[in-house]
Amino acid sequence: MAHGHKSNEKVVFVGDSRVKKGAGQQVPPDYTAFPGKSEAFIPNFLLKEWMVGCVVLVGFLVWTIAEPAPLGYPADPTNASFIPMPDWYFLFLYQFLKYPYVSQDYIILGTLGVPGVLFGGLLLAPFLDTGKERRFYRRPIASSLMFLSLIACIYLTVISWHHYEEQLKITNTIPEHHEREHKAEEAAAKGEEPPSAAKPEAAAVPIVEKNDPAYAVMEQAKCLTCHAVDMQGGGNIPALTGVGDRLEKDQLVEVITNGRGNGMPAFADQLSAEEIDQVATWLSKQKAPAE
């Protein structure tokens, strides 16, 4: 029962049948409206946090679907022009690991130490920050760390993508997903079926007379660094197997001597005229086997 200091105050028992039951659902008051008060962690606060987490997760999933990670070609360790790139939501960590103080001799610090401190601090935040104040501008330490983390992630992501685009320009490389789109558009323009990764590609053209001394000359001149040891090329670098079906010996001499475009360098200063002629003669023999 409830009573005050007055002796003549009417006493009302909770179980009295004369007390009318309120209509509808009884909603507990919003404790945040009372200074110095708080609400129950379970279920009130936990339910709100869970709902916010669901909204953020759904938004993140929609973002990843709208900007899917490009499906690249199978990894080729012999392709020196390949530029590895993670999914866009890992670009900040990829750029972070490029810095010398978190890589090489300090790789453990960069891969386990710093991320462990950051995520560990995030998990321990409810136990470390036990203040009653919720307004972010009155929580300078927590708010500063949050804004600093967001700015760092955005900055590292932008820097990583800018560096990737610069590397594409320097190496004159077309990204794999762009190359696939171009091939699909060309096939559609010709009325042909677009290439599919599910279908096996045509068998590679074998190397003709691999024991020829010209192969060793090409190895010494670092030609196979780009064209690969099996001479199959990669990305926008053409294969040298079957090059004899596309170019004559004189054309090969011209390309080796003076280069071609931004991708193929000139070897006039590295190889003698005899070596260039030797390589061109051998490359002119690289033709697809007759069916």
Protein backbone atom coordinates (compact mmCIF):
# COMPACT_ATOMS: atom_id res chain seq x y z
CA MET A 1 0.00 0.00 0.00
CA ALA A 2 1.02 3.64 -0.35
CA HIS A 3 0.59 6.35 2.30
CA GLY A 4 1.96 9.74 3.20
CA HIS A 5 2.55 11.66 6.43
CA LYS A 6 -1.11 12.56 6.94
CA SER A 7 -2.98 10.20 9.18
CA ASN A 8 -6.31 10.77 7.45
CA GLU A 9 -4.90 9.91 4.00
CA LYS A 10 -6.95 7.31 2.17
CA VAL A 11 -5.18 3.98 1.88
CA VAL A 12 -5.50 2.18 -1.45
CA PHE A 13 -4.45 -1.42 -1.75
CA VAL A 14 -3.08 -2.62 -5.05
CA GLY A 15 -5.23 -5.70 -4.93
CA ASP A 16 -8.39 -3.77 -4.25
CA SER A 17 -11.06 -4.58 -6.79
CA ARG A 18 -12.03 -0.92 -6.91
CA VAL A 19 -8.70 -0.03 -8.56
CA LYS A 20 -9.32 0.05 -12.31
CA LYS A 21 -6.85 -1.60 -14.59
CA GLY A 22 -5.39 0.73 -17.19
CA ALA A 23 -6.42 0.14 -20.81
CA GLY A 24 -3.83 -1.03 -23.31
CA GLN A 25 -0.21 -2.06 -22.79
CA GLN A 26 1.59 -0.60 -19.83
CA VAL A 27 4.70 1.11 -21.26
CA PRO A 28 7.52 1.80 -18.79
CA PRO A 29 8.65 5.43 -18.63
CA ASP A 30 11.63 6.66 -20.62
CA TYR A 31 14.32 6.84 -17.96
CA THR A 32 16.49 9.08 -20.11
CA ALA A 33 14.13 11.97 -19.38
CA PHE A 34 15.18 11.95 -15.73
CA PRO A 35 18.61 13.43 -14.89
CA GLY A 36 20.93 10.92 -13.30
CA LYS A 37 18.68 7.98 -14.13
CA SER A 38 19.24 5.17 -16.59
CA GLU A 39 17.31 2.30 -18.08
CA ALA A 40 17.75 -1.41 -17.61
CA PHE A 41 20.52 -2.90 -19.72
CA ILE A 42 18.46 -6.05 -20.37
CA PRO A 43 16.23 -5.90 -22.28
CA ASN A 44 15.79 -2.17 -22.99
CA PHE A 45 19.32 -1.02 -23.82
CA LEU A 46 20.38 -4.35 -25.36
CA LEU A 47 17.38 -4.35 -27.69
CA LYS A 48 18.16 -0.83 -28.92
CA GLU A 49 21.81 -1.70 -29.57
CA TRP A 50 20.78 -4.88 -31.37
CA MET A 51 18.41 -2.96 -33.65
CA VAL A 52 21.11 -0.39 -34.48
CA GLY A 53 23.55 -3.22 -35.25
CA CYS A 54 21.02 -4.84 -37.59
CA VAL A 55 20.47 -1.58 -39.47
CA VAL A 56 24.23 -1.04 -39.86
CA LEU A 57 24.77 -4.65 -41.00
CA VAL A 58 21.97 -4.45 -43.59
CA GLY A 59 23.36 -1.15 -44.88
CA PHE A 60 26.83 -2.67 -45.14
CA LEU A 61 25.49 -5.70 -47.02
CA VAL A 62 23.58 -3.46 -49.45
CA TRP A 63 26.78 -1.48 -50.04
CA THR A 64 28.81 -4.62 -50.79
CA ILE A 65 26.13 -5.82 -53.21
CA ALA A 66 26.02 -2.45 -54.96
CA GLU A 67 29.85 -2.42 -55.28
CA PRO A 68 30.82 -6.10 -55.62
CA ALA A 69 34.43 -7.16 -55.45
CA PRO A 70 35.75 -7.85 -58.99
CA LEU A 71 36.46 -11.49 -59.77
CA GLY A 72 40.01 -11.65 -61.07
CA TYR A 73 41.83 -14.26 -63.07
CA PRO A 74 43.58 -17.17 -61.34
CA ALA A 75 46.78 -16.13 -59.57
CA ASP A 76 49.91 -16.37 -61.70
CA PRO A 77 53.19 -16.13 -59.76
CA THR A 78 55.13 -15.68 -63.00
CA ASN A 79 53.24 -12.50 -63.91
CA ALA A 80 55.38 -9.70 -62.50
CA SER A 81 52.94 -6.99 -63.68
CA PHE A 82 50.11 -8.25 -61.49
CA ILE A 83 48.99 -5.69 -58.89
CA PRO A 84 47.26 -7.37 -55.93
CA MET A 85 44.24 -5.55 -54.51
CA PRO A 86 41.90 -6.60 -51.69
CA ASP A 87 38.19 -5.81 -51.48
CA TRP A 88 37.42 -2.13 -51.02
CA TYR A 89 36.47 -2.53 -47.35
CA PHE A 90 39.98 -3.85 -46.59
CA LEU A 91 41.84 -1.13 -48.50
CA PHE A 92 42.63 0.86 -45.34
CA LEU A 93 44.32 -2.13 -43.71
CA TYR A 94 46.10 -3.00 -46.99
CA GLN A 95 47.53 0.53 -47.17
CA PHE A 96 48.41 0.49 -43.48
CA LEU A 97 50.55 -2.63 -43.95
CA LYS A 98 52.61 -0.86 -46.64
CA TYR A 99 54.28 1.42 -44.12
CA PRO A 100 57.74 0.30 -42.95
CA TYR A 101 57.04 0.43 -39.22
CA VAL A 102 54.25 -2.20 -39.48
CA SER A 103 55.75 -4.44 -42.16
CA GLN A 104 58.92 -6.42 -42.89
CA ASP A 105 60.64 -6.81 -39.50
CA TYR A 106 57.56 -5.40 -37.75
CA ILE A 107 54.97 -7.50 -39.55
CA ILE A 108 53.73 -9.05 -36.28
CA LEU A 109 53.09 -5.57 -34.91
CA GLY A 110 51.14 -4.58 -38.03
CA THR A 111 49.07 -7.74 -38.41
CA LEU A 112 48.43 -8.67 -34.77
CA GLY A 113 49.63 -5.90 -32.46
CA VAL A 114 47.88 -2.76 -33.75
CA PRO A 115 44.62 -4.46 -34.89
CA GLY A 116 44.54 -6.37 -31.59
CA VAL A 117 44.77 -3.15 -29.58
CA LEU A 118 42.09 -1.45 -31.69
CA PHE A 119 39.56 -4.27 -31.62
CA GLY A 120 40.42 -5.11 -28.02
CA GLY A 121 39.76 -1.51 -27.03
CA LEU A 122 36.44 -1.65 -28.90
CA LEU A 123 35.41 -4.78 -26.97
CA LEU A 124 36.49 -3.29 -23.64
CA ALA A 125 34.84 0.11 -24.28
CA PRO A 126 31.67 -0.70 -22.24
CA PHE A 127 33.84 -1.62 -19.24
CA LEU A 128 36.31 1.26 -19.57
CA ASP A 129 33.82 4.04 -20.33
CA THR A 130 31.33 3.75 -17.46
CA GLY A 131 30.24 7.38 -17.34
CA LYS A 132 26.55 8.28 -17.35
CA GLU A 133 26.93 11.02 -19.95
CA ARG A 134 25.74 10.01 -23.42
CA ARG A 135 26.15 13.21 -25.38
CA PHE A 136 29.24 12.78 -27.58
CA TYR A 137 30.44 16.37 -27.16
CA ARG A 138 30.69 15.79 -23.41
CA ARG A 139 32.74 12.62 -23.85
CA PRO A 140 35.92 14.06 -25.37
CA ILE A 141 38.14 10.96 -25.09
CA ALA A 142 35.69 8.44 -26.57
CA SER A 143 34.49 10.86 -29.25
CA SER A 144 38.03 11.86 -30.24
CA LEU A 145 39.08 8.22 -30.63
CA MET A 146 35.99 7.49 -32.71
CA PHE A 147 36.50 10.42 -35.09
CA LEU A 148 40.23 9.70 -35.34
CA SER A 149 39.53 6.09 -36.33
CA LEU A 150 36.99 7.11 -38.97
CA ILE A 151 39.29 9.74 -40.45
CA ALA A 152 42.21 7.28 -40.52
CA CYS A 153 40.14 4.60 -42.29
CA ILE A 154 38.85 7.05 -44.91
CA TYR A 155 42.29 8.56 -45.49
CA LEU A 156 44.04 5.19 -45.88
CA THR A 157 41.31 3.96 -48.24
CA VAL A 158 41.62 7.02 -50.49
CA ILE A 159 45.43 6.83 -50.51
CA SER A 160 45.37 3.11 -51.32
CA TRP A 161 43.00 3.57 -54.27
CA HIS A 162 44.98 6.54 -55.59
CA HIS A 163 48.21 4.51 -55.44
CA TYR A 164 46.49 1.62 -57.26
CA GLU A 165 45.37 3.90 -60.10
CA GLU A 166 48.87 5.36 -60.38
CA GLN A 167 50.36 1.87 -60.66
CA LEU A 168 47.87 1.01 -63.41
CA LYS A 169 48.98 4.06 -65.39
CA ILE A 170 52.69 3.38 -64.89
CA THR A 171 52.47 -0.27 -65.93
CA ASN A 172 49.82 0.43 -68.58
CA THR A 173 47.68 -2.31 -67.03
CA ILE A 174 43.97 -2.77 -67.62
CA PRO A 175 42.18 -4.22 -64.56
CA GLU A 176 40.94 -7.73 -65.11
CA HIS A 177 37.25 -6.95 -64.59
CA HIS A 178 37.52 -4.07 -67.09
CA GLU A 179 39.20 -6.37 -69.59
CA ARG A 180 36.40 -8.89 -69.18
CA GLU A 181 33.81 -6.17 -69.76
CA HIS A 182 35.62 -5.06 -72.93
CA LYS A 183 35.76 -8.63 -74.22
CA ALA A 184 32.07 -9.11 -73.48
CA GLU A 185 31.20 -5.85 -75.30
CA GLU A 186 33.33 -6.83 -78.31
CA ALA A 187 31.69 -10.26 -78.43
CA ALA A 188 28.23 -8.68 -78.22
CA ALA A 189 29.08 -6.25 -81.05
CA LYS A 190 30.13 -9.19 -83.23
CA GLY A 191 27.05 -11.19 -82.28
CA GLU A 192 29.16 -13.82 -80.56
CA GLU A 193 28.75 -15.43 -77.18
CA PRO A 194 30.64 -13.52 -74.45
CA PRO A 195 33.55 -15.37 -72.84
CA SER A 196 32.70 -17.20 -69.67
CA ALA A 197 34.96 -18.17 -66.80
CA ALA A 198 32.94 -21.36 -66.40
CA LYS A 199 34.00 -22.62 -69.81
CA PRO A 200 37.51 -23.96 -70.23
CA GLU A 201 39.78 -21.82 -72.36
CA ALA A 202 41.51 -23.10 -75.45
CA ALA A 203 44.68 -25.06 -74.90
CA ALA A 204 47.80 -22.90 -74.70
CA VAL A 205 50.15 -22.89 -77.67
CA PRO A 206 53.32 -24.82 -76.76
CA ILE A 207 56.80 -23.31 -76.99
CA VAL A 208 58.69 -24.37 -80.10
CA GLU A 209 62.34 -25.39 -79.55
CA LYS A 210 62.54 -24.21 -75.96
CA ASN A 211 66.18 -25.32 -75.71
CA ASP A 212 67.19 -22.79 -78.36
CA PRO A 213 69.89 -20.33 -77.11
CA ALA A 214 67.53 -17.45 -77.91
CA TYR A 215 65.42 -18.44 -74.89
CA ALA A 216 68.46 -17.90 -72.64
CA VAL A 217 69.06 -14.50 -74.27
CA MET A 218 65.48 -13.52 -73.46
CA GLU A 219 65.90 -14.65 -69.87
CA GLN A 220 69.06 -12.56 -69.54
CA ALA A 221 67.30 -9.51 -71.01
CA LYS A 222 64.42 -9.91 -68.51
CA CYS A 223 61.90 -10.37 -71.31
CA LEU A 224 60.27 -13.26 -69.46
CA THR A 225 59.67 -11.11 -66.39
CA CYS A 226 56.66 -9.64 -68.19
CA HIS A 227 55.86 -12.32 -70.76
CA ALA A 228 56.21 -15.11 -68.12
CA VAL A 229 58.45 -18.15 -68.14
CA ASP A 230 55.91 -20.13 -70.17
CA MET A 231 55.64 -17.13 -72.55
CA GLN A 232 51.86 -17.01 -72.04
CA GLY A 233 51.86 -13.34 -71.00
CA GLY A 234 49.15 -12.09 -68.68
CA GLY A 235 46.75 -9.18 -68.32
CA ASN A 236 47.42 -6.75 -71.17
CA ILE A 237 50.83 -8.33 -71.92
CA PRO A 238 50.53 -10.53 -75.03
CA ALA A 239 51.72 -14.11 -75.17
CA LEU A 240 54.80 -14.90 -77.23
CA THR A 241 53.64 -18.41 -78.01
CA GLY A 242 52.09 -18.23 -81.46
CA VAL A 243 53.61 -14.81 -82.13
CA GLY A 244 55.03 -16.18 -85.41
CA ASP A 245 51.45 -16.41 -86.72
CA ARG A 246 50.93 -12.70 -86.08
CA LEU A 247 54.25 -11.05 -86.93
CA GLU A 248 56.97 -11.66 -89.49
CA LYS A 249 60.66 -11.74 -88.59
CA ASP A 250 61.25 -8.17 -89.80
CA GLN A 251 58.38 -6.93 -87.68
CA LEU A 252 59.74 -8.76 -84.66
CA VAL A 253 63.16 -7.18 -85.17
CA GLU A 254 61.50 -3.75 -85.30
CA VAL A 255 59.52 -4.36 -82.09
CA ILE A 256 62.52 -5.73 -80.17
CA THR A 257 64.81 -2.94 -81.32
CA ASN A 258 62.53 0.09 -80.90
CA GLY A 259 59.80 -1.21 -78.60
CA ARG A 260 56.08 -0.68 -79.00
CA GLY A 261 53.75 1.68 -77.14
CA ASN A 262 54.13 2.21 -73.40
CA GLY A 263 54.34 -1.44 -72.48
CA MET A 264 57.11 -2.84 -74.66
CA PRO A 265 60.54 -1.24 -74.03
CA ALA A 266 63.30 -0.93 -76.62
CA PHE A 267 66.22 -3.35 -76.36
CA ALA A 268 68.57 -1.65 -78.81
CA ASP A 269 70.86 -0.63 -75.93
CA GLN A 270 70.71 -3.98 -74.14
CA LEU A 271 71.07 -6.50 -76.96
CA SER A 272 73.42 -6.55 -79.90
CA ALA A 273 72.16 -6.72 -83.48
CA GLU A 274 73.14 -10.41 -83.62
CA GLU A 275 71.21 -11.21 -80.43
CA ILE A 276 68.15 -9.32 -81.66
CA ASP A 277 68.26 -11.21 -84.95
CA GLN A 278 68.68 -14.49 -83.04
CA VAL A 279 65.67 -13.80 -80.83
CA ALA A 280 63.53 -12.58 -83.75
CA THR A 281 64.39 -15.69 -85.78
CA TRP A 282 63.39 -17.95 -82.91
CA LEU A 283 60.19 -16.02 -82.17
CA SER A 284 59.16 -16.25 -85.83
CA LYS A 285 59.11 -20.05 -85.33
CA GLN A 286 56.62 -19.76 -82.50
CA LYS A 287 53.49 -20.82 -84.34
CA ALA A 288 50.44 -22.78 -83.35
CA PRO A 289 50.60 -26.44 -84.36
CA ALA A 290 48.72 -27.32 -87.52
CA GLU A 291 45.43 -29.07 -86.89
